[in-house]
Amino acid sequence: MDIFLNGEIQPVEENCTIAALIKKLDLENKRLAVEVNLEIVPRSQFEQQVLFAGDRVEIVQAIGGGNGF
């Protein structure tokens, strides 16, 4: 089935969870935020939250940097 991931079509397995998607994308152990259909999903729900065809998923990764100010 297909979902929209950060605006792009992304094929995923049926009954794919957010945790499985994160693993597929090699983003495990990264600092990130996930939104599904305009709702933020807490990390504690990644294993339980099943994705459905047509879901709109946004994954934003926190990246450190700056000049220390």
N, C-alpha and C. Protein backbone atom coordinates (compact mmCIF):
# COMPACT_ATOMS: atom_id res chain seq x y z
N MET A 1 0.85 -1.18 0.00
CA MET A 1 0.00 0.00 0.00
C MET A 1 0.89 1.23 0.00
N ASP A 2 0.31 2.36 -0.36
CA ASP A 2 1.07 3.60 -0.42
C ASP A 2 0.60 4.60 0.63
N ILE A 3 1.57 5.28 1.23
CA ILE A 3 1.31 6.42 2.10
C ILE A 3 2.04 7.61 1.49
N PHE A 4 1.80 8.78 2.03
CA PHE A 4 2.56 9.96 1.65
C PHE A 4 3.53 10.25 2.79
N LEU A 5 4.81 10.23 2.49
CA LEU A 5 5.85 10.48 3.48
C LEU A 5 6.57 11.76 3.10
N ASN A 6 6.41 12.76 3.94
CA ASN A 6 7.01 14.08 3.66
C ASN A 6 6.69 14.54 2.24
N GLY A 7 5.43 14.31 1.84
CA GLY A 7 4.95 14.79 0.55
C GLY A 7 5.22 13.88 -0.64
N GLU A 8 5.92 12.77 -0.42
CA GLU A 8 6.25 11.84 -1.51
C GLU A 8 5.53 10.51 -1.27
N ILE A 9 5.14 9.86 -2.37
CA ILE A 9 4.52 8.54 -2.23
C ILE A 9 5.57 7.55 -1.75
N GLN A 10 5.19 6.76 -0.73
CA GLN A 10 6.11 5.78 -0.15
C GLN A 10 5.36 4.45 0.00
N PRO A 11 5.79 3.40 -0.69
CA PRO A 11 5.15 2.10 -0.49
C PRO A 11 5.56 1.51 0.86
N VAL A 12 4.60 0.93 1.57
CA VAL A 12 4.86 0.25 2.84
C VAL A 12 4.03 -1.03 2.87
N GLU A 13 4.40 -1.94 3.76
CA GLU A 13 3.66 -3.18 3.95
C GLU A 13 2.31 -2.90 4.61
N GLU A 14 1.33 -3.75 4.36
CA GLU A 14 0.07 -3.66 5.08
C GLU A 14 0.36 -3.80 6.57
N ASN A 15 -0.43 -3.13 7.40
CA ASN A 15 -0.28 -3.15 8.86
C ASN A 15 1.07 -2.62 9.34
N CYS A 16 1.69 -1.77 8.54
CA CYS A 16 2.97 -1.16 8.91
C CYS A 16 2.74 -0.18 10.07
N THR A 17 3.58 -0.28 11.08
CA THR A 17 3.51 0.67 12.19
C THR A 17 4.51 1.80 11.95
N ILE A 18 4.38 2.84 12.73
CA ILE A 18 5.36 3.93 12.64
C ILE A 18 6.75 3.39 12.98
N ALA A 19 6.83 2.53 13.99
CA ALA A 19 8.13 1.95 14.37
C ALA A 19 8.75 1.18 13.20
N ALA A 20 7.94 0.42 12.47
CA ALA A 20 8.45 -0.34 11.32
C ALA A 20 8.91 0.60 10.21
N LEU A 21 8.17 1.67 10.00
CA LEU A 21 8.55 2.65 8.99
C LEU A 21 9.87 3.31 9.36
N ILE A 22 10.02 3.69 10.62
CA ILE A 22 11.26 4.31 11.08
C ILE A 22 12.44 3.36 10.89
N LYS A 23 12.22 2.08 11.19
CA LYS A 23 13.28 1.08 10.99
C LYS A 23 13.62 0.96 9.51
N LYS A 24 12.60 0.90 8.66
CA LYS A 24 12.80 0.79 7.20
C LYS A 24 13.62 1.97 6.68
N LEU A 25 13.40 3.14 7.25
CA LEU A 25 14.10 4.35 6.82
C LEU A 25 15.46 4.53 7.50
N ASP A 26 15.83 3.56 8.35
CA ASP A 26 17.09 3.60 9.09
C ASP A 26 17.20 4.86 9.95
N LEU A 27 16.09 5.17 10.64
CA LEU A 27 16.06 6.34 11.52
C LEU A 27 15.94 5.95 12.99
N GLU A 28 16.17 4.67 13.29
CA GLU A 28 16.09 4.24 14.68
C GLU A 28 17.14 4.99 15.51
N ASN A 29 16.79 5.25 16.75
CA ASN A 29 17.67 5.93 17.70
C ASN A 29 18.02 7.36 17.29
N LYS A 30 17.20 7.95 16.44
CA LYS A 30 17.38 9.34 16.05
C LYS A 30 16.36 10.19 16.80
N ARG A 31 16.69 11.45 17.00
CA ARG A 31 15.75 12.38 17.61
C ARG A 31 14.84 12.88 16.50
N LEU A 32 13.57 12.53 16.58
CA LEU A 32 12.65 12.92 15.53
C LEU A 32 11.24 13.10 16.06
N ALA A 33 10.44 13.77 15.27
CA ALA A 33 9.02 13.95 15.56
C ALA A 33 8.25 13.36 14.38
N VAL A 34 7.11 12.74 14.70
CA VAL A 34 6.28 12.13 13.66
C VAL A 34 4.87 12.67 13.77
N GLU A 35 4.33 13.03 12.61
CA GLU A 35 2.96 13.52 12.51
C GLU A 35 2.24 12.63 11.49
N VAL A 36 1.04 12.18 11.85
CA VAL A 36 0.22 11.40 10.93
C VAL A 36 -1.11 12.13 10.77
N ASN A 37 -1.42 12.49 9.54
CA ASN A 37 -2.67 13.19 9.24
C ASN A 37 -2.87 14.41 10.15
N LEU A 38 -1.81 15.20 10.27
CA LEU A 38 -1.80 16.48 11.00
C LEU A 38 -1.85 16.33 12.52
N GLU A 39 -1.62 15.11 13.04
CA GLU A 39 -1.59 14.91 14.49
C GLU A 39 -0.23 14.35 14.90
N ILE A 40 0.39 15.00 15.90
CA ILE A 40 1.67 14.52 16.42
C ILE A 40 1.44 13.18 17.12
N VAL A 41 2.32 12.23 16.85
CA VAL A 41 2.24 10.91 17.48
C VAL A 41 3.37 10.81 18.50
N PRO A 42 3.03 10.58 19.78
CA PRO A 42 4.08 10.44 20.80
C PRO A 42 4.93 9.20 20.52
N ARG A 43 6.21 9.28 20.84
CA ARG A 43 7.12 8.14 20.65
C ARG A 43 6.58 6.87 21.31
N SER A 44 5.90 7.02 22.43
CA SER A 44 5.35 5.86 23.14
C SER A 44 4.30 5.11 22.32
N GLN A 45 3.78 5.73 21.25
CA GLN A 45 2.76 5.10 20.41
C GLN A 45 3.31 4.56 19.09
N PHE A 46 4.61 4.71 18.83
CA PHE A 46 5.17 4.30 17.54
C PHE A 46 4.94 2.81 17.26
N GLU A 47 5.02 1.96 18.27
CA GLU A 47 4.84 0.51 18.07
C GLU A 47 3.38 0.15 17.81
N GLN A 48 2.44 0.93 18.34
CA GLN A 48 1.02 0.61 18.22
C GLN A 48 0.34 1.29 17.04
N GLN A 49 0.84 2.43 16.61
CA GLN A 49 0.17 3.22 15.57
C GLN A 49 0.36 2.56 14.21
N VAL A 50 -0.74 2.00 13.67
CA VAL A 50 -0.72 1.36 12.36
C VAL A 50 -1.05 2.40 11.30
N LEU A 51 -0.33 2.34 10.20
CA LEU A 51 -0.57 3.25 9.09
C LEU A 51 -1.56 2.63 8.10
N PHE A 52 -2.32 3.49 7.44
CA PHE A 52 -3.31 3.05 6.46
C PHE A 52 -3.02 3.71 5.12
N ALA A 53 -3.48 3.07 4.05
CA ALA A 53 -3.27 3.61 2.71
C ALA A 53 -3.75 5.06 2.65
N GLY A 54 -2.92 5.90 2.07
CA GLY A 54 -3.27 7.30 1.92
C GLY A 54 -2.92 8.19 3.10
N ASP A 55 -2.46 7.58 4.22
CA ASP A 55 -2.06 8.40 5.36
C ASP A 55 -0.97 9.37 4.94
N ARG A 56 -1.00 10.55 5.55
CA ARG A 56 0.02 11.57 5.30
C ARG A 56 0.92 11.64 6.53
N VAL A 57 2.14 11.21 6.34
CA VAL A 57 3.11 11.11 7.43
C VAL A 57 4.22 12.12 7.20
N GLU A 58 4.52 12.87 8.23
CA GLU A 58 5.65 13.80 8.20
C GLU A 58 6.63 13.36 9.29
N ILE A 59 7.88 13.18 8.92
CA ILE A 59 8.93 12.85 9.89
C ILE A 59 9.96 13.97 9.83
N VAL A 60 10.21 14.57 10.98
CA VAL A 60 11.17 15.66 11.09
C VAL A 60 12.26 15.21 12.05
N GLN A 61 13.50 15.28 11.60
CA GLN A 61 14.62 14.88 12.42
C GLN A 61 15.30 16.10 13.01
N ALA A 62 15.56 16.05 14.33
CA ALA A 62 16.28 17.13 15.00
C ALA A 62 17.76 17.02 14.66
N ILE A 63 18.32 18.12 14.25
CA ILE A 63 19.74 18.15 13.88
C ILE A 63 20.42 19.22 14.72
N GLY A 64 21.45 18.82 15.44
CA GLY A 64 22.20 19.76 16.27
C GLY A 64 23.08 20.66 15.42
N GLY A 65 23.53 21.70 16.02
CA GLY A 65 24.43 22.60 15.30
C GLY A 65 24.33 23.99 15.86
N GLY A 66 24.79 24.91 15.12
CA GLY A 66 24.75 26.30 15.57
C GLY A 66 26.08 26.71 16.16
N ASN A 67 26.09 27.91 16.72
CA ASN A 67 27.34 28.45 17.24
C ASN A 67 27.37 28.53 18.76
N GLY A 68 26.44 27.84 19.41
CA GLY A 68 26.47 27.79 20.86
C GLY A 68 25.75 28.91 21.57
N PHE A 69 25.11 29.79 20.83
CA PHE A 69 24.38 30.89 21.47
C PHE A 69 22.97 30.50 21.77
